[in-house]
Structures are given as C-alpha cells and as structure tokens.
Amino acid sequence: MTHFVEHYGLVFLFAIVCLESAGLWLPGETALIAAGVYAAEGRLSIVAVIVVAAAAAIIGDNIGYWLGREGGRRLLYRYERAARFADRVLPPAERFFERHGGKAVFFARFFGGLRVTGAWMAGITRLSWWRFLVWNAAGGVVWAVGVGLIAYYAGRAAAEAIARYGVYGGVLVGVAIVLAVGALHVRRRRAAVYET
C-alpha cells in the first residue's frame, strides 16, 4: 500500500479533487485530508499535496464553469418543467452573482455541496470568466493550504502520539481534536443565540 500511495497518491488526489470541482459528487476534501495525513507520515510531500490540490481545484472549477456556461441553460430549457423552474430561479441567481459572484465562488470552495455546484452556477449565470478565475484561484489556494496543513499537522500529532503512547494515545489526540472543534461550534451557536 505504501508503494501505491507514494507513486500514485498525487495522481489520485488530482483526479478526485478535479472531478469533484467539475461537478461530480466525489470526496475531494477527504482525499486532501488523507493526502495531508500521508504527508505527515513521510509518504508524500506536503508541498506537492498542496500544489496538486490547488491546481486540481482551479482546473476542475474552470471545467465546471465552462460546462455550465456552454451547456447549462440548454439543459435547463430542454424540458418544460426544468424551463419553468429556470424562469423562476435564474433571474434572482443572476442578480446574486452580479452582486456577490466573486465572494460566492471563493466561499463555495469550503462547503461540500457548493464546492460541487458553485462553478456550474457561476457559468450558468454568466459571471465574467476573469472575475470567476481570480476568485476561484484564490479559493482553491486558500482551501488547499488550509485543509492540507490542518491535516498534515493533525496527522503528525496523531503519529507522534502513537509512537510515544501507542494507539490509545493517537486515539486520544483524535478525540481531543474532535471535542475542541465541537466545543468551538457550540460556543459560536450560543453566542449567536445571545446576540439575537
């Protein structure tokens, strides 16, 4: 397995992230996390993981954008029921992308469902390609660096805990990370409730 990861891991990372960004429901972020953990174990280079993930995200989103731009409307207006839906939904979507398109493209990279559909919507609503490209590249780079480094350092911490304290130490580090993230989530929700 180690040989396979070392020789083909980056190829699979590129393929999964690129296809997810182009519009297929694949686990691109999970692949990036796994690659970051493998990098922490010394099986891959974290720099290569980040560069490959960012490039795949940018290229895949551009494929999705052009598919949406060239074929999205034709597909929507091919069927009567979809055409009625498009007539109702596209005008507000176009206004939204005109006003907030760049930010929407950037932040879509960080949410699973939007990561798959964001580029298509930007293309269907005819967001300017240059504007799309700039925000898409920024989102892809920030996402790859952020998720890649978090996975790398969390994987390294777990590996060191396992080496020092055994498997139970690694499990405890993982549980501690999950509890910390959960506590932050609960704290934010409570703060939001008190503000309203």
Protein backbone atom coordinates (compact mmCIF):
# COMPACT_ATOMS: atom_id res chain seq x y z
CA MET A 1 0.00 0.00 0.00
CA THR A 2 2.85 2.40 0.84
CA HIS A 3 4.36 1.92 -2.63
CA PHE A 4 0.99 2.65 -4.25
CA VAL A 5 0.46 5.85 -2.20
CA GLU A 6 3.99 7.11 -2.86
CA HIS A 7 3.78 6.55 -6.62
CA TYR A 8 0.13 7.26 -7.43
CA GLY A 9 -1.25 9.20 -4.45
CA LEU A 10 -0.84 12.62 -6.05
CA VAL A 11 -2.41 11.41 -9.30
CA PHE A 12 -5.48 10.17 -7.43
CA LEU A 13 -5.62 13.36 -5.37
CA PHE A 14 -5.59 15.45 -8.55
CA ALA A 15 -8.24 13.31 -10.24
CA ILE A 16 -10.66 13.27 -7.29
CA VAL A 17 -10.37 16.99 -6.47
CA CYS A 18 -10.58 17.98 -10.14
CA LEU A 19 -13.64 15.83 -10.86
CA GLU A 20 -15.40 16.99 -7.69
CA SER A 21 -14.75 20.62 -8.60
CA ALA A 22 -16.04 19.98 -12.14
CA GLY A 23 -19.36 18.80 -10.72
CA LEU A 24 -19.17 15.13 -9.74
CA TRP A 25 -20.09 14.10 -6.19
CA LEU A 26 -16.71 12.76 -5.10
CA PRO A 27 -14.86 13.12 -1.77
CA GLY A 28 -12.30 15.76 -2.82
CA GLU A 29 -11.80 17.22 0.64
CA THR A 30 -11.48 13.76 2.16
CA ALA A 31 -8.82 12.93 -0.43
CA LEU A 32 -6.93 16.11 0.50
CA ILE A 33 -7.14 15.27 4.21
CA ALA A 34 -5.89 11.73 3.56
CA ALA A 35 -3.01 13.08 1.45
CA GLY A 36 -2.12 15.54 4.24
CA VAL A 37 -2.01 12.70 6.76
CA TYR A 38 0.15 10.61 4.41
CA ALA A 39 2.45 13.61 4.06
CA ALA A 40 2.71 13.80 7.86
CA GLU A 41 3.82 10.16 7.82
CA GLY A 42 6.53 10.99 5.24
CA ARG A 43 4.88 9.13 2.36
CA LEU A 44 4.14 12.29 0.34
CA SER A 45 5.47 15.84 0.25
CA ILE A 46 3.08 18.32 1.86
CA VAL A 47 4.18 20.99 -0.64
CA ALA A 48 3.32 18.67 -3.53
CA VAL A 49 -0.02 17.78 -1.90
CA ILE A 50 -0.97 21.46 -1.57
CA VAL A 51 0.16 22.39 -5.09
CA VAL A 52 -1.64 19.41 -6.67
CA ALA A 53 -4.86 20.03 -4.70
CA ALA A 54 -4.89 23.76 -5.55
CA ALA A 55 -4.22 23.11 -9.25
CA ALA A 56 -6.90 20.40 -9.38
CA ALA A 57 -9.44 22.67 -7.66
CA ILE A 58 -8.76 25.55 -10.05
CA ILE A 59 -8.77 23.39 -13.19
CA GLY A 60 -11.84 21.42 -12.12
CA ASP A 61 -13.79 24.57 -11.28
CA ASN A 62 -12.93 26.02 -14.69
CA ILE A 63 -14.22 22.87 -16.37
CA GLY A 64 -17.43 23.15 -14.34
CA TYR A 65 -17.73 26.85 -15.16
CA TRP A 66 -17.46 26.26 -18.90
CA LEU A 67 -19.81 23.29 -18.80
CA GLY A 68 -22.36 25.46 -17.01
CA ARG A 69 -21.81 28.42 -19.30
CA GLU A 70 -21.96 26.47 -22.58
CA GLY A 71 -24.48 23.76 -21.74
CA GLY A 72 -26.26 24.63 -18.52
CA ARG A 73 -29.01 26.80 -19.95
CA ARG A 74 -29.58 24.49 -22.89
CA LEU A 75 -30.03 21.61 -20.46
CA LEU A 76 -32.40 23.62 -18.25
CA TYR A 77 -34.55 24.73 -21.18
CA ARG A 78 -34.68 21.32 -22.81
CA TYR A 79 -37.53 20.11 -20.58
CA GLU A 80 -40.69 22.08 -19.86
CA ARG A 81 -40.67 21.51 -16.10
CA ALA A 82 -37.00 22.49 -15.82
CA ALA A 83 -37.64 25.55 -18.02
CA ARG A 84 -40.40 26.77 -15.67
CA PHE A 85 -38.03 26.27 -12.75
CA ALA A 86 -35.24 28.13 -14.59
CA ASP A 87 -37.55 31.05 -15.43
CA ARG A 88 -38.32 31.43 -11.76
CA VAL A 89 -34.82 30.83 -10.32
CA LEU A 90 -32.34 32.23 -12.85
CA PRO A 91 -33.20 35.97 -12.63
CA PRO A 92 -32.55 36.18 -8.84
CA ALA A 93 -29.49 33.93 -9.22
CA GLU A 94 -28.12 36.23 -11.92
CA ARG A 95 -28.67 39.27 -9.69
CA PHE A 96 -26.98 37.47 -6.79
CA PHE A 97 -23.94 36.51 -8.90
CA GLU A 98 -23.76 40.01 -10.36
CA ARG A 99 -23.52 41.47 -6.87
CA HIS A 100 -21.75 38.71 -4.88
CA GLY A 101 -20.40 36.31 -7.53
CA GLY A 102 -16.72 36.57 -6.60
CA LYS A 103 -17.32 36.02 -2.90
CA ALA A 104 -19.75 33.18 -3.65
CA VAL A 105 -17.16 31.42 -5.81
CA PHE A 106 -14.48 31.88 -3.13
CA PHE A 107 -16.60 30.60 -0.22
CA ALA A 108 -18.21 27.77 -2.23
CA ARG A 109 -14.81 26.03 -2.11
CA PHE A 110 -15.25 25.50 1.66
CA PHE A 111 -18.69 23.82 1.62
CA GLY A 112 -19.22 20.33 0.18
CA GLY A 113 -22.43 20.79 -1.81
CA LEU A 114 -21.46 24.23 -3.03
CA ARG A 115 -17.99 23.01 -4.00
CA VAL A 116 -19.67 20.68 -6.50
CA THR A 117 -22.26 23.13 -7.88
CA GLY A 118 -20.71 26.60 -7.43
CA ALA A 119 -18.72 26.64 -10.67
CA TRP A 120 -21.72 25.42 -12.67
CA MET A 121 -23.92 28.17 -11.22
CA ALA A 122 -21.29 30.80 -11.95
CA GLY A 123 -21.21 29.61 -15.56
CA ILE A 124 -24.98 29.34 -15.95
CA THR A 125 -25.47 32.87 -14.58
CA ARG A 126 -22.78 34.16 -16.97
CA LEU A 127 -20.44 35.52 -14.31
CA SER A 128 -17.46 37.13 -16.04
CA TRP A 129 -14.77 34.47 -16.56
CA TRP A 130 -11.93 36.74 -15.41
CA ARG A 131 -13.77 37.55 -12.21
CA PHE A 132 -14.55 33.86 -11.74
CA LEU A 133 -10.93 32.89 -12.39
CA VAL A 134 -9.47 35.30 -9.83
CA TRP A 135 -11.86 34.32 -7.04
CA ASN A 136 -11.73 30.65 -7.96
CA ALA A 137 -7.92 30.63 -7.84
CA ALA A 138 -7.91 32.44 -4.50
CA GLY A 139 -10.43 29.99 -3.04
CA GLY A 140 -8.59 26.95 -4.40
CA VAL A 141 -5.24 28.06 -3.00
CA VAL A 142 -6.59 29.05 0.44
CA TRP A 143 -8.58 25.80 0.67
CA ALA A 144 -5.65 23.60 -0.35
CA VAL A 145 -3.23 25.33 2.02
CA GLY A 146 -5.67 25.44 4.94
CA VAL A 147 -7.08 21.92 4.74
CA GLY A 148 -3.74 20.42 3.69
CA LEU A 149 -1.81 21.96 6.60
CA ILE A 150 -4.50 21.15 9.17
CA ALA A 151 -4.48 17.50 8.03
CA TYR A 152 -0.68 17.49 7.97
CA TYR A 153 -0.22 18.84 11.49
CA ALA A 154 -3.14 16.84 12.96
CA GLY A 155 -1.73 13.71 11.29
CA ARG A 156 1.74 14.46 12.61
CA ALA A 157 0.38 14.98 16.15
CA ALA A 158 -1.51 11.68 15.96
CA ALA A 159 1.56 9.85 14.59
CA GLU A 160 3.78 11.25 17.37
CA ALA A 161 1.20 10.31 20.00
CA ILE A 162 1.00 6.77 18.61
CA ALA A 163 4.79 6.48 18.56
CA ARG A 164 5.10 7.77 22.10
CA TYR A 165 1.96 6.43 23.80
CA GLY A 166 0.71 3.70 21.49
CA VAL A 167 -2.54 3.50 19.54
CA TYR A 168 -4.55 4.72 22.53
CA GLY A 169 -2.52 7.95 22.59
CA GLY A 170 -3.32 8.55 18.93
CA VAL A 171 -7.00 7.89 19.56
CA LEU A 172 -6.94 10.34 22.49
CA VAL A 173 -5.36 13.04 20.30
CA GLY A 174 -8.06 12.47 17.69
CA VAL A 175 -10.82 12.61 20.30
CA ALA A 176 -9.32 15.80 21.76
CA ILE A 177 -9.33 17.47 18.33
CA VAL A 178 -12.95 16.45 17.71
CA LEU A 179 -14.00 17.71 21.17
CA ALA A 180 -12.19 21.02 20.64
CA VAL A 181 -13.91 21.58 17.28
CA GLY A 182 -17.27 20.61 18.82
CA ALA A 183 -16.76 22.99 21.76
CA LEU A 184 -15.96 25.86 19.38
CA HIS A 185 -19.09 25.08 17.37
CA VAL A 186 -21.30 25.05 20.49
CA ARG A 187 -19.71 28.26 21.74
CA ARG A 188 -20.41 30.04 18.45
CA ARG A 189 -24.01 28.86 18.41
CA ARG A 190 -24.57 30.07 21.96
CA ALA A 191 -23.01 33.43 21.13
CA ALA A 192 -25.31 33.75 18.11
CA VAL A 193 -28.36 32.97 20.27
CA TYR A 194 -27.40 35.61 22.86
CA GLU A 195 -26.85 38.26 20.15
CA THR A 196 -30.43 37.90 18.85
